[in-house]
Amino acid sequence: MFCNINIRNYKFMIEVFITNVVQDSHAATLVDKIQQQFIGCKANFDLHDCDNILRVCSKNGAVPVLSIINLLKENGFESSVLPDTKPTEKFTPRNKLINKF
């Protein structure tokens, strides 16, 4: 999933990954490695999500997707980009919320 956000003349790119990371200690180590290796990127995990989501935000342009997937792989984990999907009409409350923006 890709998101391009422009807040007060700052341009951010956000990429969301599905991972198999389950332990907080592994997540913390990976966040440190991502933020050290990819200057201008911030990362966080949501291990309470069923897909063990990794979010990476870059203020320097595109998120280095393949490099991040490889970094996780080198550390014994699998990941893939969360695909973009459009909400369907059957999710009416969500569609109403999205259409307000």
PDB file of N, CA and C in Angstrom:
ATOM      1  N   MET A   1       0.850  -1.171   0.000  1.00  0.00           N
ATOM      2  CA  MET A   1       0.000   0.000   0.000  1.00  0.00           C
ATOM      3  C   MET A   1       0.894   1.231   0.000  1.00  0.00           C
ATOM      4  N   PHE A   2       0.593   2.170  -0.832  1.00  0.00           N
ATOM      5  CA  PHE A   2       1.405   3.366  -1.008  1.00  0.00           C
ATOM      6  C   PHE A   2       0.564   4.587  -0.681  1.00  0.00           C
ATOM      7  N   CYS A   3       1.153   5.542  -0.008  1.00  0.00           N
ATOM      8  CA  CYS A   3       0.445   6.777   0.317  1.00  0.00           C
ATOM      9  C   CYS A   3       1.410   7.936   0.151  1.00  0.00           C
ATOM     10  N   ASN A   4       0.973   8.984  -0.476  1.00  0.00           N
ATOM     11  CA  ASN A   4       1.768  10.182  -0.685  1.00  0.00           C
ATOM     12  C   ASN A   4       1.067  11.315   0.061  1.00  0.00           C
ATOM     13  N   ILE A   5       1.711  11.861   1.079  1.00  0.00           N
ATOM     14  CA  ILE A   5       1.096  12.883   1.924  1.00  0.00           C
ATOM     15  C   ILE A   5       1.909  14.163   1.834  1.00  0.00           C
ATOM     16  N   ASN A   6       1.233  15.268   1.628  1.00  0.00           N
ATOM     17  CA  ASN A   6       1.898  16.562   1.607  1.00  0.00           C
ATOM     18  C   ASN A   6       1.341  17.398   2.758  1.00  0.00           C
ATOM     19  N   ILE A   7       2.137  17.600   3.797  1.00  0.00           N
ATOM     20  CA  ILE A   7       1.713  18.356   4.974  1.00  0.00           C
ATOM     21  C   ILE A   7       2.614  19.575   5.101  1.00  0.00           C
ATOM     22  N   ARG A   8       2.023  20.742   4.950  1.00  0.00           N
ATOM     23  CA  ARG A   8       2.763  21.999   5.080  1.00  0.00           C
ATOM     24  C   ARG A   8       4.081  21.995   4.312  1.00  0.00           C
ATOM     25  N   ASN A   9       4.001  21.685   3.060  1.00  0.00           N
ATOM     26  CA  ASN A   9       5.148  21.690   2.161  1.00  0.00           C
ATOM     27  C   ASN A   9       6.176  20.599   2.445  1.00  0.00           C
ATOM     28  N   TYR A  10       5.859  19.651   3.310  1.00  0.00           N
ATOM     29  CA  TYR A  10       6.710  18.491   3.520  1.00  0.00           C
ATOM     30  C   TYR A  10       6.064  17.336   2.778  1.00  0.00           C
ATOM     31  N   LYS A  11       6.823  16.659   1.957  1.00  0.00           N
ATOM     32  CA  LYS A  11       6.272  15.558   1.167  1.00  0.00           C
ATOM     33  C   LYS A  11       6.740  14.235   1.767  1.00  0.00           C
ATOM     34  N   PHE A  12       5.790  13.408   2.165  1.00  0.00           N
ATOM     35  CA  PHE A  12       6.080  12.123   2.770  1.00  0.00           C
ATOM     36  C   PHE A  12       5.562  11.005   1.876  1.00  0.00           C
ATOM     37  N   MET A  13       6.302   9.921   1.821  1.00  0.00           N
ATOM     38  CA  MET A  13       5.858   8.716   1.140  1.00  0.00           C
ATOM     39  C   MET A  13       5.765   7.628   2.197  1.00  0.00           C
ATOM     40  N   ILE A  14       4.679   6.874   2.185  1.00  0.00           N
ATOM     41  CA  ILE A  14       4.480   5.811   3.159  1.00  0.00           C
ATOM     42  C   ILE A  14       4.213   4.507   2.420  1.00  0.00           C
ATOM     43  N   GLU A  15       4.905   3.467   2.853  1.00  0.00           N
ATOM     44  CA  GLU A  15       4.692   2.133   2.299  1.00  0.00           C
ATOM     45  C   GLU A  15       4.342   1.214   3.463  1.00  0.00           C
ATOM     46  N   VAL A  16       3.392   0.312   3.233  1.00  0.00           N
ATOM     47  CA  VAL A  16       2.929  -0.605   4.272  1.00  0.00           C
ATOM     48  C   VAL A  16       3.245  -2.026   3.818  1.00  0.00           C
ATOM     49  N   PHE A  17       3.854  -2.805   4.716  1.00  0.00           N
ATOM     50  CA  PHE A  17       4.281  -4.165   4.419  1.00  0.00           C
ATOM     51  C   PHE A  17       3.566  -5.159   5.320  1.00  0.00           C
ATOM     52  N   ILE A  18       3.276  -6.329   4.770  1.00  0.00           N
ATOM     53  CA  ILE A  18       2.823  -7.479   5.543  1.00  0.00           C
ATOM     54  C   ILE A  18       4.087  -8.247   5.921  1.00  0.00           C
ATOM     55  N   THR A  19       4.210  -8.662   7.194  1.00  0.00           N
ATOM     56  CA  THR A  19       5.412  -9.380   7.618  1.00  0.00           C
ATOM     57  C   THR A  19       5.045 -10.607   8.448  1.00  0.00           C
ATOM     58  N   ASN A  20       6.054 -11.406   8.745  1.00  0.00           N
ATOM     59  CA  ASN A  20       5.868 -12.524   9.669  1.00  0.00           C
ATOM     60  C   ASN A  20       6.595 -12.272  10.990  1.00  0.00           C
ATOM     61  N   VAL A  21       6.899 -11.017  11.285  1.00  0.00           N
ATOM     62  CA  VAL A  21       7.524 -10.639  12.558  1.00  0.00           C
ATOM     63  C   VAL A  21       6.456 -10.709  13.648  1.00  0.00           C
ATOM     64  N   VAL A  22       6.755 -11.400  14.752  1.00  0.00           N
ATOM     65  CA  VAL A  22       5.759 -11.547  15.814  1.00  0.00           C
ATOM     66  C   VAL A  22       6.247 -11.070  17.180  1.00  0.00           C
ATOM     67  N   GLN A  23       7.552 -10.956  17.366  1.00  0.00           N
ATOM     68  CA  GLN A  23       8.078 -10.568  18.675  1.00  0.00           C
ATOM     69  C   GLN A  23       8.469  -9.096  18.698  1.00  0.00           C
ATOM     70  N   ASP A  24       8.132  -8.437  19.807  1.00  0.00           N
ATOM     71  CA  ASP A  24       8.462  -7.019  19.963  1.00  0.00           C
ATOM     72  C   ASP A  24       9.965  -6.768  19.843  1.00  0.00           C
ATOM     73  N   SER A  25      10.769  -7.672  20.381  1.00  0.00           N
ATOM     74  CA  SER A  25      12.222  -7.475  20.342  1.00  0.00           C
ATOM     75  C   SER A  25      12.744  -7.515  18.900  1.00  0.00           C
ATOM     76  N   HIS A  26      12.197  -8.411  18.087  1.00  0.00           N
ATOM     77  CA  HIS A  26      12.603  -8.461  16.680  1.00  0.00           C
ATOM     78  C   HIS A  26      12.156  -7.197  15.949  1.00  0.00           C
ATOM     79  N   ALA A  27      10.943  -6.754  16.239  1.00  0.00           N
ATOM     80  CA  ALA A  27      10.424  -5.539  15.604  1.00  0.00           C
ATOM     81  C   ALA A  27      11.300  -4.337  15.948  1.00  0.00           C
ATOM     82  N   ALA A  28      11.676  -4.219  17.215  1.00  0.00           N
ATOM     83  CA  ALA A  28      12.506  -3.089  17.645  1.00  0.00           C
ATOM     84  C   ALA A  28      13.865  -3.108  16.944  1.00  0.00           C
ATOM     85  N   THR A  29      14.457  -4.288  16.829  1.00  0.00           N
ATOM     86  CA  THR A  29      15.745  -4.413  16.139  1.00  0.00           C
ATOM     87  C   THR A  29      15.625  -4.022  14.675  1.00  0.00           C
ATOM     88  N   LEU A  30      14.567  -4.486  14.021  1.00  0.00           N
ATOM     89  CA  LEU A  30      14.375  -4.165  12.607  1.00  0.00           C
ATOM     90  C   LEU A  30      14.109  -2.677  12.386  1.00  0.00           C
ATOM     91  N   VAL A  31      13.322  -2.069  13.267  1.00  0.00           N
ATOM     92  CA  VAL A  31      13.077  -0.622  13.161  1.00  0.00           C
ATOM     93  C   VAL A  31      14.399   0.136  13.261  1.00  0.00           C
ATOM     94  N   ASP A  32      15.241  -0.242  14.226  1.00  0.00           N
ATOM     95  CA  ASP A  32      16.547   0.410  14.362  1.00  0.00           C
ATOM     96  C   ASP A  32      17.381   0.258  13.094  1.00  0.00           C
ATOM     97  N   LYS A  33      17.408  -0.950  12.539  1.00  0.00           N
ATOM     98  CA  LYS A  33      18.199  -1.189  11.332  1.00  0.00           C
ATOM     99  C   LYS A  33      17.667  -0.392  10.146  1.00  0.00           C
ATOM    100  N   ILE A  34      16.352  -0.351   9.992  1.00  0.00           N
ATOM    101  CA  ILE A  34      15.753   0.411   8.885  1.00  0.00           C
ATOM    102  C   ILE A  34      16.101   1.885   9.012  1.00  0.00           C
ATOM    103  N   GLN A  35      15.942   2.425  10.197  1.00  0.00           N
ATOM    104  CA  GLN A  35      16.167   3.859  10.396  1.00  0.00           C
ATOM    105  C   GLN A  35      17.644   4.231  10.319  1.00  0.00           C
ATOM    106  N   GLN A  36      18.539   3.296  10.624  1.00  0.00           N
ATOM    107  CA  GLN A  36      19.973   3.558  10.483  1.00  0.00           C
ATOM    108  C   GLN A  36      20.423   3.435   9.033  1.00  0.00           C
ATOM    109  N   GLN A  37      19.911   2.436   8.333  1.00  0.00           N
ATOM    110  CA  GLN A  37      20.346   2.175   6.964  1.00  0.00           C
ATOM    111  C   GLN A  37      19.704   3.111   5.946  1.00  0.00           C
ATOM    112  N   PHE A  38      18.485   3.537   6.198  1.00  0.00           N
ATOM    113  CA  PHE A  38      17.755   4.371   5.240  1.00  0.00           C
ATOM    114  C   PHE A  38      17.475   5.733   5.872  1.00  0.00           C
ATOM    115  N   ILE A  39      18.421   6.633   5.682  1.00  0.00           N
ATOM    116  CA  ILE A  39      18.325   7.973   6.267  1.00  0.00           C
ATOM    117  C   ILE A  39      17.067   8.671   5.748  1.00  0.00           C
ATOM    118  N   GLY A  40      16.336   9.287   6.652  1.00  0.00           N
ATOM    119  CA  GLY A  40      15.106   9.974   6.275  1.00  0.00           C
ATOM    120  C   GLY A  40      13.876   9.088   6.363  1.00  0.00           C
ATOM    121  N   CYS A  41      14.066   7.811   6.740  1.00  0.00           N
ATOM    122  CA  CYS A  41      12.933   6.891   6.891  1.00  0.00           C
ATOM    123  C   CYS A  41      12.638   6.662   8.369  1.00  0.00           C
ATOM    124  N   LYS A  42      11.384   6.604   8.673  1.00  0.00           N
ATOM    125  CA  LYS A  42      10.901   6.225  10.003  1.00  0.00           C
ATOM    126  C   LYS A  42      10.070   4.970   9.822  1.00  0.00           C
ATOM    127  N   ALA A  43      10.166   4.068  10.788  1.00  0.00           N
ATOM    128  CA  ALA A  43       9.455   2.802  10.665  1.00  0.00           C
ATOM    129  C   ALA A  43       8.775   2.458  11.981  1.00  0.00           C
ATOM    130  N   ASN A  44       7.695   1.692  11.881  1.00  0.00           N
ATOM    131  CA  ASN A  44       7.053   1.138  13.071  1.00  0.00           C
ATOM    132  C   ASN A  44       6.275  -0.104  12.683  1.00  0.00           C
ATOM    133  N   PHE A  45       6.082  -0.973  13.669  1.00  0.00           N
ATOM    134  CA  PHE A  45       5.325  -2.206  13.476  1.00  0.00           C
ATOM    135  C   PHE A  45       4.008  -2.122  14.217  1.00  0.00           C
ATOM    136  N   ASP A  46       3.012  -2.795  13.691  1.00  0.00           N
ATOM    137  CA  ASP A  46       1.759  -3.036  14.393  1.00  0.00           C
ATOM    138  C   ASP A  46       1.610  -4.548  14.486  1.00  0.00           C
ATOM    139  N   LEU A  47       2.140  -5.112  15.567  1.00  0.00           N
ATOM    140  CA  LEU A  47       2.111  -6.558  15.740  1.00  0.00           C
ATOM    141  C   LEU A  47       0.769  -7.053  16.243  1.00  0.00           C
ATOM    142  N   HIS A  48      -0.137  -6.136  16.562  1.00  0.00           N
ATOM    143  CA  HIS A  48      -1.493  -6.525  16.965  1.00  0.00           C
ATOM    144  C   HIS A  48      -2.383  -6.733  15.747  1.00  0.00           C
ATOM    145  N   ASP A  49      -1.952  -6.244  14.606  1.00  0.00           N
ATOM    146  CA  ASP A  49      -2.677  -6.450  13.355  1.00  0.00           C
ATOM    147  C   ASP A  49      -2.453  -7.887  12.886  1.00  0.00           C
ATOM    148  N   CYS A  50      -3.437  -8.480  12.260  1.00  0.00           N
ATOM    149  CA  CYS A  50      -3.327  -9.881  11.808  1.00  0.00           C
ATOM    150  C   CYS A  50      -2.221 -10.072  10.777  1.00  0.00           C
ATOM    151  N   ASP A  51      -1.803  -9.003  10.100  1.00  0.00           N
ATOM    152  CA  ASP A  51      -0.744  -9.089   9.088  1.00  0.00           C
ATOM    153  C   ASP A  51       0.613  -8.629   9.607  1.00  0.00           C
ATOM    154  N   ASN A  52       0.725  -8.351  10.913  1.00  0.00           N
ATOM    155  CA  ASN A  52       1.993  -7.896  11.507  1.00  0.00           C
ATOM    156  C   ASN A  52       2.619  -6.782  10.662  1.00  0.00           C
ATOM    157  N   ILE A  53       1.884  -5.715  10.555  1.00  0.00           N
ATOM    158  CA  ILE A  53       2.183  -4.607   9.641  1.00  0.00           C
ATOM    159  C   ILE A  53       3.468  -3.866  10.009  1.00  0.00           C
ATOM    160  N   LEU A  54       4.251  -3.572   8.980  1.00  0.00           N
ATOM    161  CA  LEU A  54       5.394  -2.671   9.074  1.00  0.00           C
ATOM    162  C   LEU A  54       5.069  -1.460   8.223  1.00  0.00           C
ATOM    163  N   ARG A  55       5.144  -0.275   8.830  1.00  0.00           N
ATOM    164  CA  ARG A  55       4.947   0.976   8.090  1.00  0.00           C
ATOM    165  C   ARG A  55       6.288   1.687   7.986  1.00  0.00           C
ATOM    166  N   VAL A  56       6.607   2.146   6.783  1.00  0.00           N
ATOM    167  CA  VAL A  56       7.833   2.908   6.580  1.00  0.00           C
ATOM    168  C   VAL A  56       7.465   4.210   5.895  1.00  0.00           C
ATOM    169  N   CYS A  57       7.871   5.301   6.514  1.00  0.00           N
ATOM    170  CA  CYS A  57       7.606   6.645   5.989  1.00  0.00           C
ATOM    171  C   CYS A  57       8.934   7.270   5.590  1.00  0.00           C
ATOM    172  N   SER A  58       8.983   7.816   4.393  1.00  0.00           N
ATOM    173  CA  SER A  58      10.190   8.474   3.912  1.00  0.00           C
ATOM    174  C   SER A  58       9.906   9.939   3.636  1.00  0.00           C
ATOM    175  N   LYS A  59      10.756  10.791   4.132  1.00  0.00           N
ATOM    176  CA  LYS A  59      10.623  12.210   3.812  1.00  0.00           C
ATOM    177  C   LYS A  59      11.544  12.606   2.664  1.00  0.00           C
ATOM    178  N   ASN A  60      12.272  11.629   2.121  1.00  0.00           N
ATOM    179  CA  ASN A  60      13.226  11.888   1.038  1.00  0.00           C
ATOM    180  C   ASN A  60      12.798  11.283  -0.293  1.00  0.00           C
ATOM    181  N   GLY A  61      11.510  11.125  -0.502  1.00  0.00           N
ATOM    182  CA  GLY A  61      11.045  10.530  -1.751  1.00  0.00           C
ATOM    183  C   GLY A  61      10.535   9.123  -1.525  1.00  0.00           C
ATOM    184  N   ALA A  62      10.675   8.299  -2.543  1.00  0.00           N
ATOM    185  CA  ALA A  62      10.109   6.950  -2.502  1.00  0.00           C
ATOM    186  C   ALA A  62      10.751   6.094  -1.419  1.00  0.00           C
ATOM    187  N   VAL A  63       9.944   5.229  -0.829  1.00  0.00           N
ATOM    188  CA  VAL A  63      10.427   4.256   0.147  1.00  0.00           C
ATOM    189  C   VAL A  63      11.180   3.171  -0.627  1.00  0.00           C
ATOM    190  N   PRO A  64      12.385   2.786  -0.178  1.00  0.00           N
ATOM    191  CA  PRO A  64      13.162   1.763  -0.889  1.00  0.00           C
ATOM    192  C   PRO A  64      12.608   0.356  -0.627  1.00  0.00           C
ATOM    193  N   VAL A  65      11.533   0.026  -1.311  1.00  0.00           N
ATOM    194  CA  VAL A  65      10.756  -1.191  -1.054  1.00  0.00           C
ATOM    195  C   VAL A  65      11.606  -2.451  -1.120  1.00  0.00           C
ATOM    196  N   LEU A  66      12.291  -2.663  -2.233  1.00  0.00           N
ATOM    197  CA  LEU A  66      13.071  -3.890  -2.397  1.00  0.00           C
ATOM    198  C   LEU A  66      14.183  -4.000  -1.367  1.00  0.00           C
ATOM    199  N   SER A  67      14.807  -2.888  -1.043  1.00  0.00           N
ATOM    200  CA  SER A  67      15.878  -2.895  -0.037  1.00  0.00           C
ATOM    201  C   SER A  67      15.340  -3.259   1.338  1.00  0.00           C
ATOM    202  N   ILE A  68      14.152  -2.789   1.669  1.00  0.00           N
ATOM    203  CA  ILE A  68      13.556  -3.113   2.965  1.00  0.00           C
ATOM    204  C   ILE A  68      13.146  -4.581   3.002  1.00  0.00           C
ATOM    205  N   ILE A  69      12.558  -5.083   1.926  1.00  0.00           N
ATOM    206  CA  ILE A  69      12.205  -6.504   1.857  1.00  0.00           C
ATOM    207  C   ILE A  69      13.465  -7.360   2.008  1.00  0.00           C
ATOM    208  N   ASN A  70      14.551  -6.959   1.354  1.00  0.00           N
ATOM    209  CA  ASN A  70      15.810  -7.698   1.462  1.00  0.00           C
ATOM    210  C   ASN A  70      16.395  -7.620   2.871  1.00  0.00           C
ATOM    211  N   LEU A  71      16.302  -6.465   3.510  1.00  0.00           N
ATOM    212  CA  LEU A  71      16.794  -6.330   4.875  1.00  0.00           C
ATOM    213  C   LEU A  71      16.053  -7.287   5.813  1.00  0.00           C
ATOM    214  N   LEU A  72      14.743  -7.355   5.691  1.00  0.00           N
ATOM    215  CA  LEU A  72      13.984  -8.291   6.517  1.00  0.00           C
ATOM    216  C   LEU A  72      14.380  -9.730   6.205  1.00  0.00           C
ATOM    217  N   LYS A  73      14.552 -10.036   4.925  1.00  0.00           N
ATOM    218  CA  LYS A  73      14.935 -11.395   4.519  1.00  0.00           C
ATOM    219  C   LYS A  73      16.299 -11.768   5.096  1.00  0.00           C
ATOM    220  N   GLU A  74      17.253 -10.844   5.032  1.00  0.00           N
ATOM    221  CA  GLU A  74      18.592 -11.082   5.584  1.00  0.00           C
ATOM    222  C   GLU A  74      18.543 -11.347   7.088  1.00  0.00           C
ATOM    223  N   ASN A  75      17.500 -10.870   7.742  1.00  0.00           N
ATOM    224  CA  ASN A  75      17.342 -11.058   9.179  1.00  0.00           C
ATOM    225  C   ASN A  75      16.374 -12.191   9.518  1.00  0.00           C
ATOM    226  N   GLY A  76      16.021 -12.987   8.517  1.00  0.00           N
ATOM    227  CA  GLY A  76      15.225 -14.186   8.731  1.00  0.00           C
ATOM    228  C   GLY A  76      13.719 -14.001   8.682  1.00  0.00           C
ATOM    229  N   PHE A  77      13.261 -12.893   8.090  1.00  0.00           N
ATOM    230  CA  PHE A  77      11.827 -12.615   8.055  1.00  0.00           C
ATOM    231  C   PHE A  77      11.340 -12.445   6.624  1.00  0.00           C
ATOM    232  N   GLU A  78      10.059 -12.682   6.445  1.00  0.00           N
ATOM    233  CA  GLU A  78       9.428 -12.496   5.145  1.00  0.00           C
ATOM    234  C   GLU A  78       8.571 -11.241   5.179  1.00  0.00           C
ATOM    235  N   SER A  79       8.460 -10.595   4.030  1.00  0.00           N
ATOM    236  CA  SER A  79       7.606  -9.411   3.936  1.00  0.00           C
ATOM    237  C   SER A  79       7.184  -9.205   2.493  1.00  0.00           C
ATOM    238  N   SER A  80       6.090  -8.492   2.346  1.00  0.00           N
ATOM    239  CA  SER A  80       5.623  -8.089   1.019  1.00  0.00           C
ATOM    240  C   SER A  80       4.820  -6.810   1.187  1.00  0.00           C
ATOM    241  N   VAL A  81       4.727  -6.072   0.106  1.00  0.00           N
ATOM    242  CA  VAL A  81       3.978  -4.811   0.145  1.00  0.00           C
ATOM    243  C   VAL A  81       2.489  -5.129   0.246  1.00  0.00           C
ATOM    244  N   LEU A  82       1.813  -4.436   1.138  1.00  0.00           N
ATOM    245  CA  LEU A  82       0.356  -4.568   1.254  1.00  0.00           C
ATOM    246  C   LEU A  82      -0.249  -3.975  -0.011  1.00  0.00           C
ATOM    247  N   PRO A  83      -1.013  -4.766  -0.759  1.00  0.00           N
ATOM    248  CA  PRO A  83      -1.554  -4.247  -2.026  1.00  0.00           C
ATOM    249  C   PRO A  83      -2.594  -3.152  -1.802  1.00  0.00           C
ATOM    250  N   ASP A  84      -2.632  -2.215  -2.736  1.00  0.00           N
ATOM    251  CA  ASP A  84      -3.659  -1.175  -2.720  1.00  0.00           C
ATOM    252  C   ASP A  84      -4.992  -1.797  -3.081  1.00  0.00           C
ATOM    253  N   THR A  85      -6.013  -1.456  -2.342  1.00  0.00           N
ATOM    254  CA  THR A  85      -7.365  -1.898  -2.685  1.00  0.00           C
ATOM    255  C   THR A  85      -8.302  -0.721  -2.547  1.00  0.00           C
ATOM    256  N   LYS A  86      -9.311  -0.726  -3.364  1.00  0.00           N
ATOM    257  CA  LYS A  86     -10.324   0.313  -3.275  1.00  0.00           C
ATOM    258  C   LYS A  86     -11.483  -0.225  -2.452  1.00  0.00           C
ATOM    259  N   PRO A  87     -12.028   0.595  -1.565  1.00  0.00           N
ATOM    260  CA  PRO A  87     -13.167   0.119  -0.778  1.00  0.00           C
ATOM    261  C   PRO A  87     -14.356  -0.187  -1.680  1.00  0.00           C
ATOM    262  N   THR A  88     -15.098  -1.186  -1.315  1.00  0.00           N
ATOM    263  CA  THR A  88     -16.290  -1.537  -2.085  1.00  0.00           C
ATOM    264  C   THR A  88     -17.518  -0.949  -1.420  1.00  0.00           C
ATOM    265  N   GLU A  89     -18.602  -0.909  -2.141  1.00  0.00           N
ATOM    266  CA  GLU A  89     -19.833  -0.311  -1.631  1.00  0.00           C
ATOM    267  C   GLU A  89     -20.399  -1.051  -0.428  1.00  0.00           C
ATOM    268  N   LYS A  90     -20.049  -2.332  -0.249  1.00  0.00           N
ATOM    269  CA  LYS A  90     -20.605  -3.055   0.886  1.00  0.00           C
ATOM    270  C   LYS A  90     -20.061  -2.566   2.224  1.00  0.00           C
ATOM    271  N   PHE A  91     -18.968  -1.781   2.199  1.00  0.00           N
ATOM    272  CA  PHE A  91     -18.413  -1.185   3.414  1.00  0.00           C
ATOM    273  C   PHE A  91     -18.896   0.260   3.534  1.00  0.00           C
ATOM    274  N   THR A  92     -20.182   0.434   3.603  1.00  0.00           N
ATOM    275  CA  THR A  92     -20.795   1.758   3.563  1.00  0.00           C
ATOM    276  C   THR A  92     -20.251   2.726   4.616  1.00  0.00           C
ATOM    277  N   PRO A  93     -20.142   2.359   5.911  1.00  0.00           N
ATOM    278  CA  PRO A  93     -19.636   3.334   6.882  1.00  0.00           C
ATOM    279  C   PRO A  93     -18.236   3.831   6.536  1.00  0.00           C
ATOM    280  N   ARG A  94     -17.392   2.916   6.085  1.00  0.00           N
ATOM    281  CA  ARG A  94     -16.033   3.322   5.729  1.00  0.00           C
ATOM    282  C   ARG A  94     -16.063   4.226   4.512  1.00  0.00           C
ATOM    283  N   ASN A  95     -16.887   3.900   3.511  1.00  0.00           N
ATOM    284  CA  ASN A  95     -16.965   4.738   2.319  1.00  0.00           C
ATOM    285  C   ASN A  95     -17.437   6.142   2.667  1.00  0.00           C
ATOM    286  N   LYS A  96     -18.376   6.260   3.571  1.00  0.00           N
ATOM    287  CA  LYS A  96     -18.849   7.584   3.976  1.00  0.00           C
ATOM    288  C   LYS A  96     -17.723   8.376   4.636  1.00  0.00           C
ATOM    289  N   LEU A  97     -16.922   7.691   5.462  1.00  0.00           N
ATOM    290  CA  LEU A  97     -15.805   8.354   6.131  1.00  0.00           C
ATOM    291  C   LEU A  97     -14.773   8.806   5.119  1.00  0.00           C
ATOM    292  N   ILE A  98     -14.419   7.923   4.183  1.00  0.00           N
ATOM    293  CA  ILE A  98     -13.415   8.250   3.179  1.00  0.00           C
ATOM    294  C   ILE A  98     -13.888   9.388   2.289  1.00  0.00           C
ATOM    295  N   ASN A  99     -15.152   9.381   1.915  1.00  0.00           N
ATOM    296  CA  ASN A  99     -15.678  10.413   1.007  1.00  0.00           C
ATOM    297  C   ASN A  99     -15.735  11.795   1.646  1.00  0.00           C
ATOM    298  N   LYS A 100     -15.585  11.878   2.959  1.00  0.00           N
ATOM    299  CA  LYS A 100     -15.573  13.182   3.622  1.00  0.00           C
ATOM    300  C   LYS A 100     -14.268  13.916   3.394  1.00  0.00           C
ATOM    301  N   PHE A 101     -13.220  13.199   2.987  1.00  0.00           N
ATOM    302  CA  PHE A 101     -11.899  13.820   2.847  1.00  0.00           C
ATOM    303  C   PHE A 101     -11.621  14.157   1.444  1.00  0.00           C
TER     304      PHE A 101
END
